[in-house]
Every structure is written in C-alpha cells, then in structure tokens.
Amino acid sequence: MKKSAIALAMFFGLTATSQASSITGDAEAGKAKSTTCTACHSVDGNSAINTYPKLAGQSAEYLYKQLTDFKSAAAGGEGRANAVMAGMVAPLSDQDMKDLAVYFSTQETAPGSTPEDMIAKGQKLYRAGDAERGLTACTACHLADGSGMPLAGFPKLSGQHAAYVEAQLKAFRSGDRNNDLNGMMQDIASKLTDEDIKLLSNYVSGLH
C-alpha cells in the first residue's frame, strides 16, 4: 500500500507539471520519413505482425520517449535496449524522431479483440487490481478505456497486440526492460503471474 501511495503521489505531481510539454513535430515530414518503419509497423502504424507494436494512435509523447530511449541505449547509455531498433534509430536526428512520433500519433488504431472467456476476469484485474497482492488497478494510469495519459507519459494500451503487451509485461517483470517511469511497471509486473499477464494482454487488445 505504501508503494502504491507513493506512486500515485508521484503521478499526480507529474500530471500537474507536465501539461505544458508537447512534441513539436511535422506529421507530413514524419510520413515521408516513416518508409523504413513500414516493414515491421506497416504504413499507417498498424503492424500486421503481432510481436511488433501498433504505433498508430499512440501518443506522440510516448513514441518520442521510446525512440530517444532506444537511441540512448544504443549509444551505451540508459534507455531501452533493442537490437533491431538500435539500428533503426541510429541515423535519426531529434527532429526526425519528433516528426515520426507526431505522424504515427495521428493515425487511427485498428481495433483488436478479446476472447470471450477472458473478458470478465481481465476486466476485473484491469479495473480493480488486487489489493491483497498490492496490485494497483491499471486504470489509475491507463484509464478505463485504455487511452492512457499522454502528458504524464502513460501509453495507450487499447487495441494493442496481445502478444506484444504480454512480451513487454514479462520484460518488465524480468528487468530486461527498465525504461519505465520510476520503475513503476517493473514493480507492478513483479507481482503478476503468467495467467495475470495473459488476461491483461488479451483484455487491453479488445479495449476500444
């Protein structure tokens, strides 16, 4: 409970100070620069391969952070290590990354789906968490509809590929991914079972 209270306090402090932030990119320029992204993420950012994330409709703030984190890690700094993305971001300037982030944020996310037998349990865990295990509800940061809070740095989850979400939750749980704000996702994922992750991943895919 103490960790949850601290995390929520930090969250409210962040949202209060983040309202002025914005990504100044050019969507048309981003579209022209996105040709190298299409093999994995498709032209409009709705990746056809479920192990690659849908970028369409994701907030520009979140996309820009991930790109800069990939670039930082590739240069030997802190960030988000990924062998494929390291090569992709290497030639990008800061403005390139802003343009790409803005372009993909303007695209519409293709809806996903949730298996019928996972809806009830997935919804309960997503909306209520599990107090006994100290699991905060996902809605606290990602909202009931999964749209996220862009200015606070919390990504949109609705419509995302279940396989991708599952892989990321497991990466947070193992510590292989650690570019989350103040370790919040690592802390939450450490309390999730494989069944929890499967339920949540499939549930958010069908949110729209």
Protein backbone atom coordinates (compact mmCIF):
# COMPACT_ATOMS: atom_id res chain seq x y z
CA MET A 1 0.00 0.00 0.00
CA LYS A 2 2.84 2.39 0.83
CA LYS A 3 4.44 1.92 -2.59
CA SER A 4 1.09 2.43 -4.29
CA ALA A 5 0.52 5.67 -2.37
CA ILE A 6 3.97 6.94 -3.32
CA ALA A 7 3.44 6.01 -6.96
CA LEU A 8 0.08 7.79 -7.08
CA ALA A 9 1.51 10.87 -5.40
CA MET A 10 4.30 10.98 -7.95
CA PHE A 11 1.75 10.50 -10.71
CA PHE A 12 -0.39 13.43 -9.60
CA GLY A 13 2.68 15.59 -9.23
CA LEU A 14 3.79 14.65 -12.74
CA THR A 15 0.46 15.38 -14.37
CA ALA A 16 0.37 18.76 -12.72
CA THR A 17 3.76 19.73 -14.08
CA SER A 18 3.51 18.04 -17.47
CA GLN A 19 0.65 19.99 -19.02
CA ALA A 20 2.98 22.42 -20.77
CA SER A 21 5.01 19.71 -22.51
CA SER A 22 4.43 18.93 -26.18
CA ILE A 23 6.15 17.33 -29.14
CA THR A 24 6.75 19.82 -31.93
CA GLY A 25 6.87 17.59 -34.98
CA ASP A 26 5.58 17.68 -38.54
CA ALA A 27 3.22 14.83 -39.42
CA GLU A 28 3.80 15.15 -43.17
CA ALA A 29 7.55 15.09 -42.71
CA GLY A 30 7.13 12.11 -40.40
CA LYS A 31 5.13 10.26 -43.01
CA ALA A 32 7.91 10.75 -45.56
CA LYS A 33 10.49 9.53 -43.04
CA SER A 34 8.43 6.50 -41.99
CA THR A 35 9.24 4.38 -45.06
CA THR A 36 11.88 2.44 -43.15
CA CYS A 37 9.35 1.68 -40.39
CA THR A 38 6.78 0.02 -42.64
CA ALA A 39 8.37 -3.43 -42.81
CA CYS A 40 7.55 -4.03 -39.15
CA HIS A 41 4.88 -1.46 -38.32
CA SER A 42 3.02 -1.07 -41.66
CA VAL A 43 2.41 2.18 -43.49
CA ASP A 44 -0.12 3.56 -41.02
CA GLY A 45 1.47 2.09 -37.91
CA ASN A 46 -0.97 -0.81 -37.52
CA SER A 47 1.55 -3.61 -37.60
CA ALA A 48 0.37 -6.82 -39.22
CA ILE A 49 2.80 -8.89 -37.14
CA ASN A 50 1.57 -9.23 -33.56
CA THR A 51 5.02 -9.25 -31.99
CA TYR A 52 5.61 -5.70 -33.25
CA PRO A 53 3.63 -2.92 -31.58
CA LYS A 54 0.92 -0.88 -33.20
CA LEU A 55 2.21 2.69 -33.33
CA ALA A 56 -0.97 4.16 -34.81
CA GLY A 57 -2.84 6.33 -32.33
CA GLN A 58 -0.16 6.08 -29.66
CA SER A 59 0.66 9.43 -28.06
CA ALA A 60 3.46 11.44 -29.64
CA GLU A 61 4.98 11.96 -26.18
CA TYR A 62 5.26 8.23 -25.56
CA LEU A 63 6.54 7.40 -29.04
CA TYR A 64 9.17 10.12 -28.86
CA LYS A 65 10.36 8.86 -25.47
CA GLN A 66 10.71 5.30 -26.75
CA LEU A 67 12.71 6.44 -29.78
CA THR A 68 15.05 8.53 -27.65
CA ASP A 69 15.38 5.68 -25.17
CA PHE A 70 16.29 3.27 -27.96
CA LYS A 71 18.89 5.73 -29.24
CA SER A 72 20.33 6.31 -25.79
CA ALA A 73 20.68 2.59 -25.07
CA ALA A 74 22.26 2.00 -28.48
CA ALA A 75 24.90 4.60 -27.61
CA GLY A 76 25.72 2.84 -24.36
CA GLY A 77 23.58 4.95 -22.07
CA GLU A 78 20.42 4.26 -20.15
CA GLY A 79 17.24 3.62 -22.08
CA ARG A 80 15.58 0.72 -23.84
CA ALA A 81 17.87 -1.86 -25.35
CA ASN A 82 16.70 -3.49 -28.57
CA ALA A 83 19.00 -4.80 -31.27
CA VAL A 84 16.59 -4.12 -34.14
CA MET A 85 15.56 -0.65 -33.03
CA ALA A 86 19.14 0.32 -32.24
CA GLY A 87 19.95 0.14 -35.94
CA MET A 88 16.76 1.93 -36.93
CA VAL A 89 17.23 4.95 -34.68
CA ALA A 90 20.97 5.36 -35.31
CA PRO A 91 20.59 7.75 -38.27
CA LEU A 92 17.64 9.69 -36.80
CA SER A 93 18.01 13.24 -35.58
CA ASP A 94 15.98 14.56 -32.69
CA GLN A 95 13.64 16.30 -35.14
CA ASP A 96 13.28 13.09 -37.15
CA MET A 97 12.08 11.30 -34.02
CA LYS A 98 9.62 14.09 -33.22
CA ASP A 99 8.26 14.05 -36.76
CA LEU A 100 7.80 10.27 -36.70
CA ALA A 101 6.15 10.40 -33.28
CA VAL A 102 3.67 13.03 -34.41
CA TYR A 103 2.90 11.21 -37.67
CA PHE A 104 2.09 7.87 -36.07
CA SER A 105 0.11 9.56 -33.30
CA THR A 106 -2.25 11.00 -35.92
CA GLN A 107 -3.10 7.59 -37.38
CA GLU A 108 -6.13 5.60 -36.22
CA THR A 109 -5.54 2.47 -34.19
CA ALA A 110 -7.10 -0.63 -35.72
CA PRO A 111 -9.28 -2.31 -33.06
CA GLY A 112 -8.23 -5.62 -31.57
CA SER A 113 -10.31 -8.26 -29.84
CA THR A 114 -10.53 -10.19 -26.58
CA PRO A 115 -11.50 -13.86 -26.31
CA GLU A 116 -14.93 -14.16 -24.67
CA ASP A 117 -13.65 -16.34 -21.85
CA MET A 118 -11.11 -13.68 -20.80
CA ILE A 119 -13.29 -10.58 -20.74
CA ALA A 120 -14.76 -10.83 -17.23
CA LYS A 121 -11.56 -11.83 -15.41
CA GLY A 122 -9.42 -9.47 -17.48
CA GLN A 123 -11.74 -6.55 -16.83
CA LYS A 124 -11.78 -7.20 -13.09
CA LEU A 125 -7.99 -7.29 -12.84
CA TYR A 126 -7.56 -4.27 -15.13
CA ARG A 127 -10.13 -2.10 -13.35
CA ALA A 128 -9.75 -3.21 -9.74
CA GLY A 129 -6.26 -4.64 -9.42
CA ASP A 130 -5.71 -6.93 -6.46
CA ALA A 131 -5.38 -5.27 -3.07
CA GLU A 132 -4.21 -8.44 -1.35
CA ARG A 133 -1.17 -8.57 -3.64
CA GLY A 134 -0.65 -4.82 -3.69
CA LEU A 135 -1.62 -4.62 -7.36
CA THR A 136 -2.83 -1.16 -8.38
CA ALA A 137 -5.61 -1.04 -10.95
CA CYS A 138 -4.34 -0.40 -14.48
CA THR A 139 -6.98 2.31 -14.83
CA ALA A 140 -5.02 4.54 -12.46
CA CYS A 141 -2.55 5.32 -15.24
CA HIS A 142 -4.07 3.95 -18.44
CA LEU A 143 -7.74 4.88 -17.81
CA ALA A 144 -10.80 2.66 -18.11
CA ASP A 145 -10.79 2.76 -21.91
CA GLY A 146 -7.05 2.16 -22.18
CA SER A 147 -6.39 5.53 -23.81
CA GLY A 148 -3.58 6.38 -21.41
CA MET A 149 -2.38 9.78 -20.21
CA PRO A 150 -0.01 11.24 -22.82
CA LEU A 151 1.29 14.22 -20.89
CA ALA A 152 2.02 12.05 -17.87
CA GLY A 153 3.91 9.56 -20.01
CA PHE A 154 1.47 6.68 -19.66
CA PRO A 155 0.83 4.94 -23.01
CA LYS A 156 -2.35 3.98 -24.77
CA LEU A 157 -3.00 0.25 -24.41
CA SER A 158 -6.34 -0.16 -26.16
CA GLY A 159 -6.18 -2.15 -29.37
CA GLN A 160 -2.55 -3.14 -28.90
CA HIS A 161 -1.48 -6.64 -29.96
CA ALA A 162 -1.89 -9.06 -27.06
CA ALA A 163 1.35 -10.87 -27.93
CA TYR A 164 3.30 -7.61 -27.79
CA VAL A 165 1.76 -6.50 -24.49
CA GLU A 166 2.46 -9.92 -23.00
CA ALA A 167 6.11 -9.76 -24.06
CA GLN A 168 6.54 -6.28 -22.57
CA LEU A 169 4.96 -7.19 -19.23
CA LYS A 170 7.25 -10.19 -18.97
CA ALA A 171 10.22 -7.99 -19.90
CA PHE A 172 9.31 -5.53 -17.15
CA ARG A 173 8.90 -8.43 -14.72
CA SER A 174 12.32 -9.87 -15.51
CA GLY A 175 14.00 -6.47 -15.61
CA ASP A 176 15.01 -6.85 -19.26
CA ARG A 177 13.02 -3.70 -19.90
CA ASN A 178 13.60 -0.92 -17.39
CA ASN A 179 12.80 2.39 -19.05
CA ASP A 180 9.54 2.83 -17.16
CA LEU A 181 8.90 5.90 -15.03
CA ASN A 182 10.43 5.42 -11.57
CA GLY A 183 10.31 1.64 -12.01
CA MET A 184 6.51 1.65 -11.68
CA MET A 185 5.87 -1.03 -14.30
CA GLN A 186 8.69 -3.22 -13.03
CA ASP A 187 7.16 -3.11 -9.56
CA ILE A 188 3.68 -3.92 -10.85
CA ALA A 189 4.83 -6.64 -13.24
CA SER A 190 6.83 -8.34 -10.49
CA LYS A 191 3.51 -9.18 -8.83
CA LEU A 192 1.86 -10.57 -11.95
CA THR A 193 1.59 -14.28 -12.67
CA ASP A 194 1.75 -15.66 -16.20
CA GLU A 195 -2.04 -16.05 -16.06
CA ASP A 196 -2.46 -12.41 -14.99
CA ILE A 197 -0.31 -11.27 -17.88
CA LYS A 198 -2.22 -13.39 -20.35
CA LEU A 199 -5.55 -11.99 -19.10
CA LEU A 200 -4.45 -8.36 -19.13
CA SER A 201 -2.74 -8.60 -22.52
CA ASN A 202 -5.81 -10.05 -24.17
CA TYR A 203 -8.18 -7.72 -22.35
CA VAL A 204 -6.48 -4.48 -23.41
CA SER A 205 -6.29 -5.70 -27.00
CA GLY A 206 -10.08 -5.62 -27.15
CA LEU A 207 -10.49 -2.23 -25.48
CA HIS A 208 -11.79 0.37 -27.95
